[in-house]
Amino acid sequence: MTYGDRSLLGSSARTVGMLTAFKQVIRDYKTPPQKSLALDLDAKLKPLIQYLIDCRPLAIGMGNAIKHLKAQIGHTINMTEDDAKEFLIDEIERFIQERIIVADQQLTAFTSQKINNGDVILTYAG
């Protein structure tokens, strides 16, 4: 199973899949000597992000998650490598929880109050 074969369907699933992969990249990452994690990790993520774009267009949520992750990487400038990695992984998990899972639950609760028996619903997923 690969990202390009469209086995991850829906914006949320694709975003969670991407962020899960980024967590593994961060766990495996080692800052080279004389380099800064904040600058080098960002450079390491660029070709990975480009690969995702080359496979298929990014979902809006994926773009938002990438922007958020890059902003968080900027906050690691004065952290040790271990602290920075833990911080970034925690931020990814927080993003998934707050901006995907809880948002989906709230949207479901809100819309379920608006749908009445006999309503016709049109949905789209890219």
PDB file of N, CA and C in Angstrom:
ATOM      1  N   MET A   1       0.847  -1.164   0.000  1.00  0.00           N
ATOM      2  CA  MET A   1       0.000   0.000   0.000  1.00  0.00           C
ATOM      3  C   MET A   1       0.900   1.237   0.000  1.00  0.00           C
ATOM      4  N   THR A   2       0.630   2.143  -0.923  1.00  0.00           N
ATOM      5  CA  THR A   2       1.368   3.400  -0.970  1.00  0.00           C
ATOM      6  C   THR A   2       0.378   4.548  -1.045  1.00  0.00           C
ATOM      7  N   TYR A   3       0.862   5.727  -0.739  1.00  0.00           N
ATOM      8  CA  TYR A   3       0.024   6.923  -0.770  1.00  0.00           C
ATOM      9  C   TYR A   3      -0.528   7.162  -2.168  1.00  0.00           C
ATOM     10  N   GLY A   4       0.289   6.950  -3.174  1.00  0.00           N
ATOM     11  CA  GLY A   4      -0.105   7.216  -4.548  1.00  0.00           C
ATOM     12  C   GLY A   4      -1.171   6.288  -5.089  1.00  0.00           C
ATOM     13  N   ASP A   5      -1.375   5.135  -4.470  1.00  0.00           N
ATOM     14  CA  ASP A   5      -2.365   4.192  -5.011  1.00  0.00           C
ATOM     15  C   ASP A   5      -3.790   4.487  -4.537  1.00  0.00           C
ATOM     16  N   ARG A   6      -3.958   5.595  -3.828  1.00  0.00           N
ATOM     17  CA  ARG A   6      -5.266   6.071  -3.365  1.00  0.00           C
ATOM     18  C   ARG A   6      -5.939   5.125  -2.372  1.00  0.00           C
ATOM     19  N   SER A   7      -5.140   4.398  -1.586  1.00  0.00           N
ATOM     20  CA  SER A   7      -5.752   3.545  -0.577  1.00  0.00           C
ATOM     21  C   SER A   7      -6.152   4.341   0.665  1.00  0.00           C
ATOM     22  N   LEU A   8      -5.653   5.568   0.791  1.00  0.00           N
ATOM     23  CA  LEU A   8      -6.128   6.471   1.841  1.00  0.00           C
ATOM     24  C   LEU A   8      -7.141   7.411   1.197  1.00  0.00           C
ATOM     25  N   LEU A   9      -8.382   7.279   1.587  1.00  0.00           N
ATOM     26  CA  LEU A   9      -9.440   8.091   0.988  1.00  0.00           C
ATOM     27  C   LEU A   9      -9.967   9.100   1.995  1.00  0.00           C
ATOM     28  N   GLY A  10     -10.225  10.283   1.537  1.00  0.00           N
ATOM     29  CA  GLY A  10     -10.751  11.341   2.384  1.00  0.00           C
ATOM     30  C   GLY A  10      -9.643  12.212   2.925  1.00  0.00           C
ATOM     31  N   SER A  11      -9.953  13.475   3.036  1.00  0.00           N
ATOM     32  CA  SER A  11      -8.968  14.464   3.479  1.00  0.00           C
ATOM     33  C   SER A  11      -8.412  14.146   4.863  1.00  0.00           C
ATOM     34  N   SER A  12      -9.288  13.801   5.783  1.00  0.00           N
ATOM     35  CA  SER A  12      -8.826  13.532   7.155  1.00  0.00           C
ATOM     36  C   SER A  12      -7.912  12.322   7.203  1.00  0.00           C
ATOM     37  N   ALA A  13      -8.277  11.252   6.529  1.00  0.00           N
ATOM     38  CA  ALA A  13      -7.449  10.043   6.526  1.00  0.00           C
ATOM     39  C   ALA A  13      -6.096  10.322   5.888  1.00  0.00           C
ATOM     40  N   ARG A  14      -6.093  11.072   4.808  1.00  0.00           N
ATOM     41  CA  ARG A  14      -4.829  11.403   4.144  1.00  0.00           C
ATOM     42  C   ARG A  14      -3.956  12.277   5.044  1.00  0.00           C
ATOM     43  N   THR A  15      -4.566  13.221   5.744  1.00  0.00           N
ATOM     44  CA  THR A  15      -3.803  14.109   6.631  1.00  0.00           C
ATOM     45  C   THR A  15      -3.225  13.326   7.803  1.00  0.00           C
ATOM     46  N   VAL A  16      -4.034  12.464   8.409  1.00  0.00           N
ATOM     47  CA  VAL A  16      -3.544  11.646   9.527  1.00  0.00           C
ATOM     48  C   VAL A  16      -2.433  10.716   9.044  1.00  0.00           C
ATOM     49  N   GLY A  17      -2.603  10.113   7.878  1.00  0.00           N
ATOM     50  CA  GLY A  17      -1.557   9.248   7.333  1.00  0.00           C
ATOM     51  C   GLY A  17      -0.258   9.993   7.118  1.00  0.00           C
ATOM     52  N   MET A  18      -0.334  11.195   6.562  1.00  0.00           N
ATOM     53  CA  MET A  18       0.859  12.007   6.345  1.00  0.00           C
ATOM     54  C   MET A  18       1.521  12.364   7.673  1.00  0.00           C
ATOM     55  N   LEU A  19       0.731  12.812   8.639  1.00  0.00           N
ATOM     56  CA  LEU A  19       1.293  13.203   9.932  1.00  0.00           C
ATOM     57  C   LEU A  19       1.880  12.010  10.679  1.00  0.00           C
ATOM     58  N   THR A  20       1.283  10.853  10.530  1.00  0.00           N
ATOM     59  CA  THR A  20       1.827   9.643  11.144  1.00  0.00           C
ATOM     60  C   THR A  20       3.196   9.318  10.536  1.00  0.00           C
ATOM     61  N   ALA A  21       3.303   9.467   9.240  1.00  0.00           N
ATOM     62  CA  ALA A  21       4.602   9.252   8.571  1.00  0.00           C
ATOM     63  C   ALA A  21       5.622  10.293   9.034  1.00  0.00           C
ATOM     64  N   PHE A  22       5.195  11.544   9.171  1.00  0.00           N
ATOM     65  CA  PHE A  22       6.108  12.591   9.643  1.00  0.00           C
ATOM     66  C   PHE A  22       6.592  12.311  11.067  1.00  0.00           C
ATOM     67  N   LYS A  23       5.724  11.747  11.903  1.00  0.00           N
ATOM     68  CA  LYS A  23       6.167  11.392  13.256  1.00  0.00           C
ATOM     69  C   LYS A  23       7.308  10.387  13.190  1.00  0.00           C
ATOM     70  N   GLN A  24       7.202   9.416  12.296  1.00  0.00           N
ATOM     71  CA  GLN A  24       8.271   8.421  12.164  1.00  0.00           C
ATOM     72  C   GLN A  24       9.548   9.062  11.620  1.00  0.00           C
ATOM     73  N   VAL A  25       9.404   9.960  10.675  1.00  0.00           N
ATOM     74  CA  VAL A  25      10.576  10.680  10.140  1.00  0.00           C
ATOM     75  C   VAL A  25      11.267  11.430  11.273  1.00  0.00           C
ATOM     76  N   ILE A  26      10.496  12.098  12.108  1.00  0.00           N
ATOM     77  CA  ILE A  26      11.075  12.851  13.226  1.00  0.00           C
ATOM     78  C   ILE A  26      11.744  11.913  14.217  1.00  0.00           C
ATOM     79  N   ARG A  27      11.124  10.787  14.523  1.00  0.00           N
ATOM     80  CA  ARG A  27      11.747   9.817  15.442  1.00  0.00           C
ATOM     81  C   ARG A  27      13.092   9.337  14.907  1.00  0.00           C
ATOM     82  N   ASP A  28      13.162   9.078  13.613  1.00  0.00           N
ATOM     83  CA  ASP A  28      14.377   8.535  12.995  1.00  0.00           C
ATOM     84  C   ASP A  28      15.428   9.602  12.692  1.00  0.00           C
ATOM     85  N   TYR A  29      15.053  10.859  12.728  1.00  0.00           N
ATOM     86  CA  TYR A  29      15.933  11.956  12.328  1.00  0.00           C
ATOM     87  C   TYR A  29      17.097  12.137  13.310  1.00  0.00           C
ATOM     88  N   LYS A  30      18.267  12.380  12.769  1.00  0.00           N
ATOM     89  CA  LYS A  30      19.462  12.711  13.553  1.00  0.00           C
ATOM     90  C   LYS A  30      20.044  13.993  12.970  1.00  0.00           C
ATOM     91  N   THR A  31      20.210  15.000  13.802  1.00  0.00           N
ATOM     92  CA  THR A  31      20.779  16.253  13.334  1.00  0.00           C
ATOM     93  C   THR A  31      22.251  16.049  12.997  1.00  0.00           C
ATOM     94  N   PRO A  32      22.666  16.403  11.768  1.00  0.00           N
ATOM     95  CA  PRO A  32      24.077  16.286  11.406  1.00  0.00           C
ATOM     96  C   PRO A  32      24.940  17.241  12.245  1.00  0.00           C
ATOM     97  N   PRO A  33      26.209  16.902  12.426  1.00  0.00           N
ATOM     98  CA  PRO A  33      27.108  17.802  13.169  1.00  0.00           C
ATOM     99  C   PRO A  33      27.126  19.194  12.535  1.00  0.00           C
ATOM    100  N   GLN A  34      27.226  20.192  13.364  1.00  0.00           N
ATOM    101  CA  GLN A  34      27.305  21.590  12.940  1.00  0.00           C
ATOM    102  C   GLN A  34      26.029  22.088  12.261  1.00  0.00           C
ATOM    103  N   LYS A  35      24.931  21.391  12.451  1.00  0.00           N
ATOM    104  CA  LYS A  35      23.650  21.807  11.862  1.00  0.00           C
ATOM    105  C   LYS A  35      22.647  22.051  12.980  1.00  0.00           C
ATOM    106  N   SER A  36      21.601  22.761  12.637  1.00  0.00           N
ATOM    107  CA  SER A  36      20.503  23.021  13.559  1.00  0.00           C
ATOM    108  C   SER A  36      19.319  22.136  13.170  1.00  0.00           C
ATOM    109  N   LEU A  37      18.705  21.487  14.150  1.00  0.00           N
ATOM    110  CA  LEU A  37      17.544  20.657  13.867  1.00  0.00           C
ATOM    111  C   LEU A  37      16.468  21.474  13.171  1.00  0.00           C
ATOM    112  N   ALA A  38      16.222  22.680  13.656  1.00  0.00           N
ATOM    113  CA  ALA A  38      15.146  23.502  13.101  1.00  0.00           C
ATOM    114  C   ALA A  38      15.347  23.765  11.616  1.00  0.00           C
ATOM    115  N   LEU A  39      16.580  24.000  11.194  1.00  0.00           N
ATOM    116  CA  LEU A  39      16.832  24.277   9.777  1.00  0.00           C
ATOM    117  C   LEU A  39      16.979  23.003   8.961  1.00  0.00           C
ATOM    118  N   ASP A  40      17.677  22.034   9.506  1.00  0.00           N
ATOM    119  CA  ASP A  40      17.950  20.820   8.734  1.00  0.00           C
ATOM    120  C   ASP A  40      16.718  19.941   8.579  1.00  0.00           C
ATOM    121  N   LEU A  41      15.922  19.811   9.634  1.00  0.00           N
ATOM    122  CA  LEU A  41      14.720  18.981   9.543  1.00  0.00           C
ATOM    123  C   LEU A  41      13.754  19.561   8.515  1.00  0.00           C
ATOM    124  N   ASP A  42      13.608  20.867   8.505  1.00  0.00           N
ATOM    125  CA  ASP A  42      12.746  21.504   7.508  1.00  0.00           C
ATOM    126  C   ASP A  42      13.228  21.170   6.097  1.00  0.00           C
ATOM    127  N   ALA A  43      14.526  21.208   5.891  1.00  0.00           N
ATOM    128  CA  ALA A  43      15.092  20.873   4.577  1.00  0.00           C
ATOM    129  C   ALA A  43      14.866  19.398   4.238  1.00  0.00           C
ATOM    130  N   LYS A  44      14.915  18.523   5.235  1.00  0.00           N
ATOM    131  CA  LYS A  44      14.684  17.089   5.003  1.00  0.00           C
ATOM    132  C   LYS A  44      13.224  16.800   4.658  1.00  0.00           C
ATOM    133  N   LEU A  45      12.310  17.598   5.189  1.00  0.00           N
ATOM    134  CA  LEU A  45      10.889  17.378   4.923  1.00  0.00           C
ATOM    135  C   LEU A  45      10.477  17.845   3.527  1.00  0.00           C
ATOM    136  N   LYS A  46      11.183  18.823   2.967  1.00  0.00           N
ATOM    137  CA  LYS A  46      10.792  19.388   1.668  1.00  0.00           C
ATOM    138  C   LYS A  46      10.659  18.338   0.570  1.00  0.00           C
ATOM    139  N   PRO A  47      11.643  17.436   0.365  1.00  0.00           N
ATOM    140  CA  PRO A  47      11.458  16.439  -0.696  1.00  0.00           C
ATOM    141  C   PRO A  47      10.359  15.433  -0.384  1.00  0.00           C
ATOM    142  N   LEU A  48      10.113  15.171   0.893  1.00  0.00           N
ATOM    143  CA  LEU A  48       9.023  14.269   1.261  1.00  0.00           C
ATOM    144  C   LEU A  48       7.670  14.893   0.919  1.00  0.00           C
ATOM    145  N   ILE A  49       7.549  16.173   1.211  1.00  0.00           N
ATOM    146  CA  ILE A  49       6.323  16.896   0.883  1.00  0.00           C
ATOM    147  C   ILE A  49       6.144  16.964  -0.626  1.00  0.00           C
ATOM    148  N   GLN A  50       7.234  17.214  -1.338  1.00  0.00           N
ATOM    149  CA  GLN A  50       7.151  17.274  -2.796  1.00  0.00           C
ATOM    150  C   GLN A  50       6.728  15.924  -3.370  1.00  0.00           C
ATOM    151  N   TYR A  51       7.207  14.843  -2.781  1.00  0.00           N
ATOM    152  CA  TYR A  51       6.798  13.503  -3.216  1.00  0.00           C
ATOM    153  C   TYR A  51       5.286  13.332  -3.086  1.00  0.00           C
ATOM    154  N   LEU A  52       4.745  13.770  -1.944  1.00  0.00           N
ATOM    155  CA  LEU A  52       3.296  13.672  -1.743  1.00  0.00           C
ATOM    156  C   LEU A  52       2.548  14.472  -2.804  1.00  0.00           C
ATOM    157  N   ILE A  53       3.035  15.659  -3.099  1.00  0.00           N
ATOM    158  CA  ILE A  53       2.409  16.508  -4.115  1.00  0.00           C
ATOM    159  C   ILE A  53       2.490  15.848  -5.489  1.00  0.00           C
ATOM    160  N   ASP A  54       3.629  15.239  -5.782  1.00  0.00           N
ATOM    161  CA  ASP A  54       3.812  14.574  -7.073  1.00  0.00           C
ATOM    162  C   ASP A  54       2.879  13.365  -7.227  1.00  0.00           C
ATOM    163  N   CYS A  55       2.587  12.696  -6.121  1.00  0.00           N
ATOM    164  CA  CYS A  55       1.702  11.524  -6.172  1.00  0.00           C
ATOM    165  C   CYS A  55       0.262  11.929  -6.461  1.00  0.00           C
ATOM    166  N   ARG A  56      -0.197  12.958  -5.792  1.00  0.00           N
ATOM    167  CA  ARG A  56      -1.556  13.454  -5.973  1.00  0.00           C
ATOM    168  C   ARG A  56      -1.683  14.786  -5.254  1.00  0.00           C
ATOM    169  N   PRO A  57      -2.624  15.621  -5.660  1.00  0.00           N
ATOM    170  CA  PRO A  57      -2.759  16.937  -5.023  1.00  0.00           C
ATOM    171  C   PRO A  57      -3.011  16.813  -3.522  1.00  0.00           C
ATOM    172  N   LEU A  58      -2.433  17.735  -2.775  1.00  0.00           N
ATOM    173  CA  LEU A  58      -2.643  17.734  -1.331  1.00  0.00           C
ATOM    174  C   LEU A  58      -4.068  18.151  -1.008  1.00  0.00           C
ATOM    175  N   ALA A  59      -4.626  17.523  -0.005  1.00  0.00           N
ATOM    176  CA  ALA A  59      -5.907  17.976   0.540  1.00  0.00           C
ATOM    177  C   ALA A  59      -5.646  19.262   1.316  1.00  0.00           C
ATOM    178  N   ILE A  60      -6.652  20.075   1.469  1.00  0.00           N
ATOM    179  CA  ILE A  60      -6.486  21.344   2.189  1.00  0.00           C
ATOM    180  C   ILE A  60      -5.957  21.098   3.601  1.00  0.00           C
ATOM    181  N   GLY A  61      -6.492  20.095   4.257  1.00  0.00           N
ATOM    182  CA  GLY A  61      -6.033  19.779   5.607  1.00  0.00           C
ATOM    183  C   GLY A  61      -4.562  19.400   5.658  1.00  0.00           C
ATOM    184  N   MET A  62      -4.072  18.765   4.608  1.00  0.00           N
ATOM    185  CA  MET A  62      -2.661  18.398   4.558  1.00  0.00           C
ATOM    186  C   MET A  62      -1.799  19.652   4.487  1.00  0.00           C
ATOM    187  N   GLY A  63      -2.213  20.600   3.656  1.00  0.00           N
ATOM    188  CA  GLY A  63      -1.474  21.858   3.558  1.00  0.00           C
ATOM    189  C   GLY A  63      -1.456  22.596   4.883  1.00  0.00           C
ATOM    190  N   ASN A  64      -2.602  22.625   5.558  1.00  0.00           N
ATOM    191  CA  ASN A  64      -2.675  23.270   6.871  1.00  0.00           C
ATOM    192  C   ASN A  64      -1.780  22.560   7.887  1.00  0.00           C
ATOM    193  N   ALA A  65      -1.750  21.241   7.844  1.00  0.00           N
ATOM    194  CA  ALA A  65      -0.922  20.472   8.776  1.00  0.00           C
ATOM    195  C   ALA A  65       0.566  20.724   8.509  1.00  0.00           C
ATOM    196  N   ILE A  66       0.940  20.810   7.241  1.00  0.00           N
ATOM    197  CA  ILE A  66       2.343  21.081   6.890  1.00  0.00           C
ATOM    198  C   ILE A  66       2.749  22.461   7.397  1.00  0.00           C
ATOM    199  N   LYS A  67       1.902  23.461   7.179  1.00  0.00           N
ATOM    200  CA  LYS A  67       2.201  24.822   7.667  1.00  0.00           C
ATOM    201  C   LYS A  67       2.346  24.825   9.187  1.00  0.00           C
ATOM    202  N   HIS A  68       1.441  24.116   9.851  1.00  0.00           N
ATOM    203  CA  HIS A  68       1.498  24.053  11.316  1.00  0.00           C
ATOM    204  C   HIS A  68       2.794  23.379  11.779  1.00  0.00           C
ATOM    205  N   LEU A  69       3.151  22.263  11.156  1.00  0.00           N
ATOM    206  CA  LEU A  69       4.368  21.550  11.543  1.00  0.00           C
ATOM    207  C   LEU A  69       5.602  22.423  11.320  1.00  0.00           C
ATOM    208  N   LYS A  70       5.663  23.103  10.187  1.00  0.00           N
ATOM    209  CA  LYS A  70       6.816  23.970   9.914  1.00  0.00           C
ATOM    210  C   LYS A  70       6.913  25.097  10.940  1.00  0.00           C
ATOM    211  N   ALA A  71       5.778  25.646  11.331  1.00  0.00           N
ATOM    212  CA  ALA A  71       5.787  26.686  12.363  1.00  0.00           C
ATOM    213  C   ALA A  71       6.309  26.126  13.681  1.00  0.00           C
ATOM    214  N   GLN A  72       5.895  24.900  14.020  1.00  0.00           N
ATOM    215  CA  GLN A  72       6.348  24.278  15.265  1.00  0.00           C
ATOM    216  C   GLN A  72       7.840  23.955  15.213  1.00  0.00           C
ATOM    217  N   ILE A  73       8.334  23.568  14.057  1.00  0.00           N
ATOM    218  CA  ILE A  73       9.774  23.310  13.907  1.00  0.00           C
ATOM    219  C   ILE A  73      10.550  24.584  14.238  1.00  0.00           C
ATOM    220  N   GLY A  74      10.019  25.725  13.837  1.00  0.00           N
ATOM    221  CA  GLY A  74      10.664  26.998  14.148  1.00  0.00           C
ATOM    222  C   GLY A  74      10.772  27.269  15.637  1.00  0.00           C
ATOM    223  N   HIS A  75       9.878  26.703  16.439  1.00  0.00           N
ATOM    224  CA  HIS A  75       9.907  26.899  17.890  1.00  0.00           C
ATOM    225  C   HIS A  75      10.947  26.018  18.588  1.00  0.00           C
ATOM    226  N   THR A  76      11.614  25.153  17.844  1.00  0.00           N
ATOM    227  CA  THR A  76      12.571  24.223  18.468  1.00  0.00           C
ATOM    228  C   THR A  76      13.997  24.766  18.460  1.00  0.00           C
ATOM    229  N   ILE A  77      14.194  25.973  18.004  1.00  0.00           N
ATOM    230  CA  ILE A  77      15.535  26.512  17.764  1.00  0.00           C
ATOM    231  C   ILE A  77      16.461  26.413  18.979  1.00  0.00           C
ATOM    232  N   ASN A  78      15.940  26.579  20.184  1.00  0.00           N
ATOM    233  CA  ASN A  78      16.788  26.554  21.378  1.00  0.00           C
ATOM    234  C   ASN A  78      16.630  25.269  22.199  1.00  0.00           C
ATOM    235  N   MET A  79      16.059  24.240  21.606  1.00  0.00           N
ATOM    236  CA  MET A  79      15.839  22.982  22.325  1.00  0.00           C
ATOM    237  C   MET A  79      16.927  21.969  21.986  1.00  0.00           C
ATOM    238  N   THR A  80      17.128  21.028  22.901  1.00  0.00           N
ATOM    239  CA  THR A  80      17.994  19.903  22.581  1.00  0.00           C
ATOM    240  C   THR A  80      17.291  19.056  21.521  1.00  0.00           C
ATOM    241  N   GLU A  81      18.031  18.193  20.850  1.00  0.00           N
ATOM    242  CA  GLU A  81      17.424  17.353  19.818  1.00  0.00           C
ATOM    243  C   GLU A  81      16.313  16.488  20.393  1.00  0.00           C
ATOM    244  N   ASP A  82      16.569  15.838  21.518  1.00  0.00           N
ATOM    245  CA  ASP A  82      15.549  14.967  22.113  1.00  0.00           C
ATOM    246  C   ASP A  82      14.300  15.751  22.516  1.00  0.00           C
ATOM    247  N   ASP A  83      14.505  16.919  23.120  1.00  0.00           N
ATOM    248  CA  ASP A  83      13.363  17.748  23.519  1.00  0.00           C
ATOM    249  C   ASP A  83      12.590  18.233  22.295  1.00  0.00           C
ATOM    250  N   ALA A  84      13.301  18.618  21.257  1.00  0.00           N
ATOM    251  CA  ALA A  84      12.653  19.103  20.032  1.00  0.00           C
ATOM    252  C   ALA A  84      11.835  17.996  19.383  1.00  0.00           C
ATOM    253  N   LYS A  85      12.394  16.807  19.316  1.00  0.00           N
ATOM    254  CA  LYS A  85      11.673  15.692  18.709  1.00  0.00           C
ATOM    255  C   LYS A  85      10.415  15.347  19.513  1.00  0.00           C
ATOM    256  N   GLU A  86      10.544  15.312  20.830  1.00  0.00           N
ATOM    257  CA  GLU A  86       9.388  15.036  21.680  1.00  0.00           C
ATOM    258  C   GLU A  86       8.330  16.128  21.503  1.00  0.00           C
ATOM    259  N   PHE A  87       8.752  17.387  21.467  1.00  0.00           N
ATOM    260  CA  PHE A  87       7.842  18.506  21.277  1.00  0.00           C
ATOM    261  C   PHE A  87       7.099  18.380  19.951  1.00  0.00           C
ATOM    262  N   LEU A  88       7.820  18.082  18.873  1.00  0.00           N
ATOM    263  CA  LEU A  88       7.204  17.993  17.548  1.00  0.00           C
ATOM    264  C   LEU A  88       6.225  16.824  17.451  1.00  0.00           C
ATOM    265  N   ILE A  89       6.596  15.701  18.007  1.00  0.00           N
ATOM    266  CA  ILE A  89       5.695  14.543  17.994  1.00  0.00           C
ATOM    267  C   ILE A  89       4.433  14.847  18.810  1.00  0.00           C
ATOM    268  N   ASP A  90       4.610  15.491  19.963  1.00  0.00           N
ATOM    269  CA  ASP A  90       3.449  15.888  20.774  1.00  0.00           C
ATOM    270  C   ASP A  90       2.560  16.873  20.015  1.00  0.00           C
ATOM    271  N   GLU A  91       3.174  17.810  19.298  1.00  0.00           N
ATOM    272  CA  GLU A  91       2.409  18.785  18.527  1.00  0.00           C
ATOM    273  C   GLU A  91       1.629  18.120  17.390  1.00  0.00           C
ATOM    274  N   ILE A  92       2.237  17.131  16.759  1.00  0.00           N
ATOM    275  CA  ILE A  92       1.536  16.391  15.700  1.00  0.00           C
ATOM    276  C   ILE A  92       0.340  15.652  16.293  1.00  0.00           C
ATOM    277  N   GLU A  93       0.545  14.993  17.420  1.00  0.00           N
ATOM    278  CA  GLU A  93      -0.550  14.267  18.060  1.00  0.00           C
ATOM    279  C   GLU A  93      -1.652  15.219  18.505  1.00  0.00           C
ATOM    280  N   ARG A  94      -1.272  16.394  19.014  1.00  0.00           N
ATOM    281  CA  ARG A  94      -2.257  17.399  19.419  1.00  0.00           C
ATOM    282  C   ARG A  94      -3.037  17.898  18.205  1.00  0.00           C
ATOM    283  N   PHE A  95      -2.343  18.137  17.094  1.00  0.00           N
ATOM    284  CA  PHE A  95      -2.990  18.585  15.862  1.00  0.00           C
ATOM    285  C   PHE A  95      -4.024  17.558  15.401  1.00  0.00           C
ATOM    286  N   ILE A  96      -3.626  16.301  15.391  1.00  0.00           N
ATOM    287  CA  ILE A  96      -4.553  15.238  14.978  1.00  0.00           C
ATOM    288  C   ILE A  96      -5.770  15.205  15.893  1.00  0.00           C
ATOM    289  N   GLN A  97      -5.537  15.262  17.185  1.00  0.00           N
ATOM    290  CA  GLN A  97      -6.639  15.184  18.152  1.00  0.00           C
ATOM    291  C   GLN A  97      -7.568  16.388  18.037  1.00  0.00           C
ATOM    292  N   GLU A  98      -6.991  17.592  18.104  1.00  0.00           N
ATOM    293  CA  GLU A  98      -7.824  18.794  18.170  1.00  0.00           C
ATOM    294  C   GLU A  98      -8.403  19.209  16.825  1.00  0.00           C
ATOM    295  N   ARG A  99      -7.604  19.136  15.787  1.00  0.00           N
ATOM    296  CA  ARG A  99      -8.041  19.699  14.510  1.00  0.00           C
ATOM    297  C   ARG A  99      -8.668  18.690  13.565  1.00  0.00           C
ATOM    298  N   ILE A 100      -8.536  17.413  13.890  1.00  0.00           N
ATOM    299  CA  ILE A 100      -9.148  16.409  13.017  1.00  0.00           C
ATOM    300  C   ILE A 100     -10.205  15.620  13.784  1.00  0.00           C
ATOM    301  N   ILE A 101      -9.811  14.950  14.846  1.00  0.00           N
ATOM    302  CA  ILE A 101     -10.742  14.070  15.558  1.00  0.00           C
ATOM    303  C   ILE A 101     -11.857  14.863  16.239  1.00  0.00           C
ATOM    304  N   VAL A 102     -11.490  15.837  17.075  1.00  0.00           N
ATOM    305  CA  VAL A 102     -12.507  16.618  17.790  1.00  0.00           C
ATOM    306  C   VAL A 102     -13.326  17.450  16.807  1.00  0.00           C
ATOM    307  N   ALA A 103     -12.676  18.027  15.808  1.00  0.00           N
ATOM    308  CA  ALA A 103     -13.410  18.806  14.805  1.00  0.00           C
ATOM    309  C   ALA A 103     -14.430  17.929  14.084  1.00  0.00           C
ATOM    310  N   ASP A 104     -14.046  16.711  13.744  1.00  0.00           N
ATOM    311  CA  ASP A 104     -14.965  15.786  13.076  1.00  0.00           C
ATOM    312  C   ASP A 104     -16.139  15.442  13.993  1.00  0.00           C
ATOM    313  N   GLN A 105     -15.852  15.208  15.257  1.00  0.00           N
ATOM    314  CA  GLN A 105     -16.917  14.882  16.210  1.00  0.00           C
ATOM    315  C   GLN A 105     -17.897  16.048  16.363  1.00  0.00           C
ATOM    316  N   GLN A 106     -17.365  17.267  16.447  1.00  0.00           N
ATOM    317  CA  GLN A 106     -18.227  18.433  16.589  1.00  0.00           C
ATOM    318  C   GLN A 106     -19.060  18.665  15.328  1.00  0.00           C
ATOM    319  N   LEU A 107     -18.445  18.481  14.180  1.00  0.00           N
ATOM    320  CA  LEU A 107     -19.165  18.635  12.925  1.00  0.00           C
ATOM    321  C   LEU A 107     -20.283  17.607  12.813  1.00  0.00           C
ATOM    322  N   THR A 108     -19.984  16.377  13.203  1.00  0.00           N
ATOM    323  CA  THR A 108     -20.991  15.316  13.175  1.00  0.00           C
ATOM    324  C   THR A 108     -22.150  15.638  14.112  1.00  0.00           C
ATOM    325  N   ALA A 109     -21.839  16.085  15.308  1.00  0.00           N
ATOM    326  CA  ALA A 109     -22.892  16.418  16.276  1.00  0.00           C
ATOM    327  C   ALA A 109     -23.748  17.573  15.767  1.00  0.00           C
ATOM    328  N   PHE A 110     -23.122  18.591  15.201  1.00  0.00           N
ATOM    329  CA  PHE A 110     -23.858  19.747  14.701  1.00  0.00           C
ATOM    330  C   PHE A 110     -24.743  19.380  13.519  1.00  0.00           C
ATOM    331  N   THR A 111     -24.158  18.672  12.542  1.00  0.00           N
ATOM    332  CA  THR A 111     -24.928  18.363  11.335  1.00  0.00           C
ATOM    333  C   THR A 111     -26.028  17.343  11.603  1.00  0.00           C
ATOM    334  N   SER A 112     -25.828  16.455  12.558  1.00  0.00           N
ATOM    335  CA  SER A 112     -26.872  15.465  12.849  1.00  0.00           C
ATOM    336  C   SER A 112     -28.137  16.136  13.364  1.00  0.00           C
ATOM    337  N   GLN A 113     -28.001  17.323  13.949  1.00  0.00           N
ATOM    338  CA  GLN A 113     -29.169  18.069  14.411  1.00  0.00           C
ATOM    339  C   GLN A 113     -29.883  18.756  13.243  1.00  0.00           C
ATOM    340  N   LYS A 114     -29.216  18.936  12.135  1.00  0.00           N
ATOM    341  CA  LYS A 114     -29.769  19.663  10.989  1.00  0.00           C
ATOM    342  C   LYS A 114     -30.418  18.752   9.959  1.00  0.00           C
ATOM    343  N   ILE A 115     -30.135  17.459  10.036  1.00  0.00           N
ATOM    344  CA  ILE A 115     -30.658  16.514   9.049  1.00  0.00           C
ATOM    345  C   ILE A 115     -31.938  15.894   9.583  1.00  0.00           C
ATOM    346  N   ASN A 116     -32.959  15.988   8.762  1.00  0.00           N
ATOM    347  CA  ASN A 116     -34.255  15.429   9.148  1.00  0.00           C
ATOM    348  C   ASN A 116     -34.573  14.202   8.302  1.00  0.00           C
ATOM    349  N   ASN A 117     -35.439  13.344   8.813  1.00  0.00           N
ATOM    350  CA  ASN A 117     -35.862  12.160   8.091  1.00  0.00           C
ATOM    351  C   ASN A 117     -36.447  12.575   6.732  1.00  0.00           C
ATOM    352  N   GLY A 118     -35.954  11.962   5.668  1.00  0.00           N
ATOM    353  CA  GLY A 118     -36.421  12.266   4.325  1.00  0.00           C
ATOM    354  C   GLY A 118     -35.565  13.283   3.589  1.00  0.00           C
ATOM    355  N   ASP A 119     -34.600  13.942   4.269  1.00  0.00           N
ATOM    356  CA  ASP A 119     -33.709  14.889   3.598  1.00  0.00           C
ATOM    357  C   ASP A 119     -32.794  14.160   2.622  1.00  0.00           C
ATOM    358  N   VAL A 120     -32.436  14.832   1.557  1.00  0.00           N
ATOM    359  CA  VAL A 120     -31.486  14.303   0.585  1.00  0.00           C
ATOM    360  C   VAL A 120     -30.141  14.973   0.871  1.00  0.00           C
ATOM    361  N   ILE A 121     -29.099  14.165   0.992  1.00  0.00           N
ATOM    362  CA  ILE A 121     -27.776  14.669   1.318  1.00  0.00           C
ATOM    363  C   ILE A 121     -26.833  14.379   0.175  1.00  0.00           C
ATOM    364  N   LEU A 122     -26.094  15.393  -0.270  1.00  0.00           N
ATOM    365  CA  LEU A 122     -25.085  15.238  -1.308  1.00  0.00           C
ATOM    366  C   LEU A 122     -23.726  15.382  -0.636  1.00  0.00           C
ATOM    367  N   THR A 123     -22.849  14.412  -0.830  1.00  0.00           N
ATOM    368  CA  THR A 123     -21.500  14.483  -0.265  1.00  0.00           C
ATOM    369  C   THR A 123     -20.478  14.354  -1.366  1.00  0.00           C
ATOM    370  N   TYR A 124     -19.282  14.842  -1.075  1.00  0.00           N
ATOM    371  CA  TYR A 124     -18.172  14.746  -2.039  1.00  0.00           C
ATOM    372  C   TYR A 124     -16.905  14.486  -1.265  1.00  0.00           C
ATOM    373  N   ALA A 125     -16.097  13.586  -1.768  1.00  0.00           N
ATOM    374  CA  ALA A 125     -14.777  13.332  -1.184  1.00  0.00           C
ATOM    375  C   ALA A 125     -13.801  13.194  -2.324  1.00  0.00           C
ATOM    376  N   GLY A 126     -12.686  13.887  -2.213  1.00  0.00           N
ATOM    377  CA  GLY A 126     -11.692  13.863  -3.297  1.00  0.00           C
ATOM    378  C   GLY A 126     -10.555  12.965  -3.013  1.00  0.00           C
TER     379      GLY A 126
END
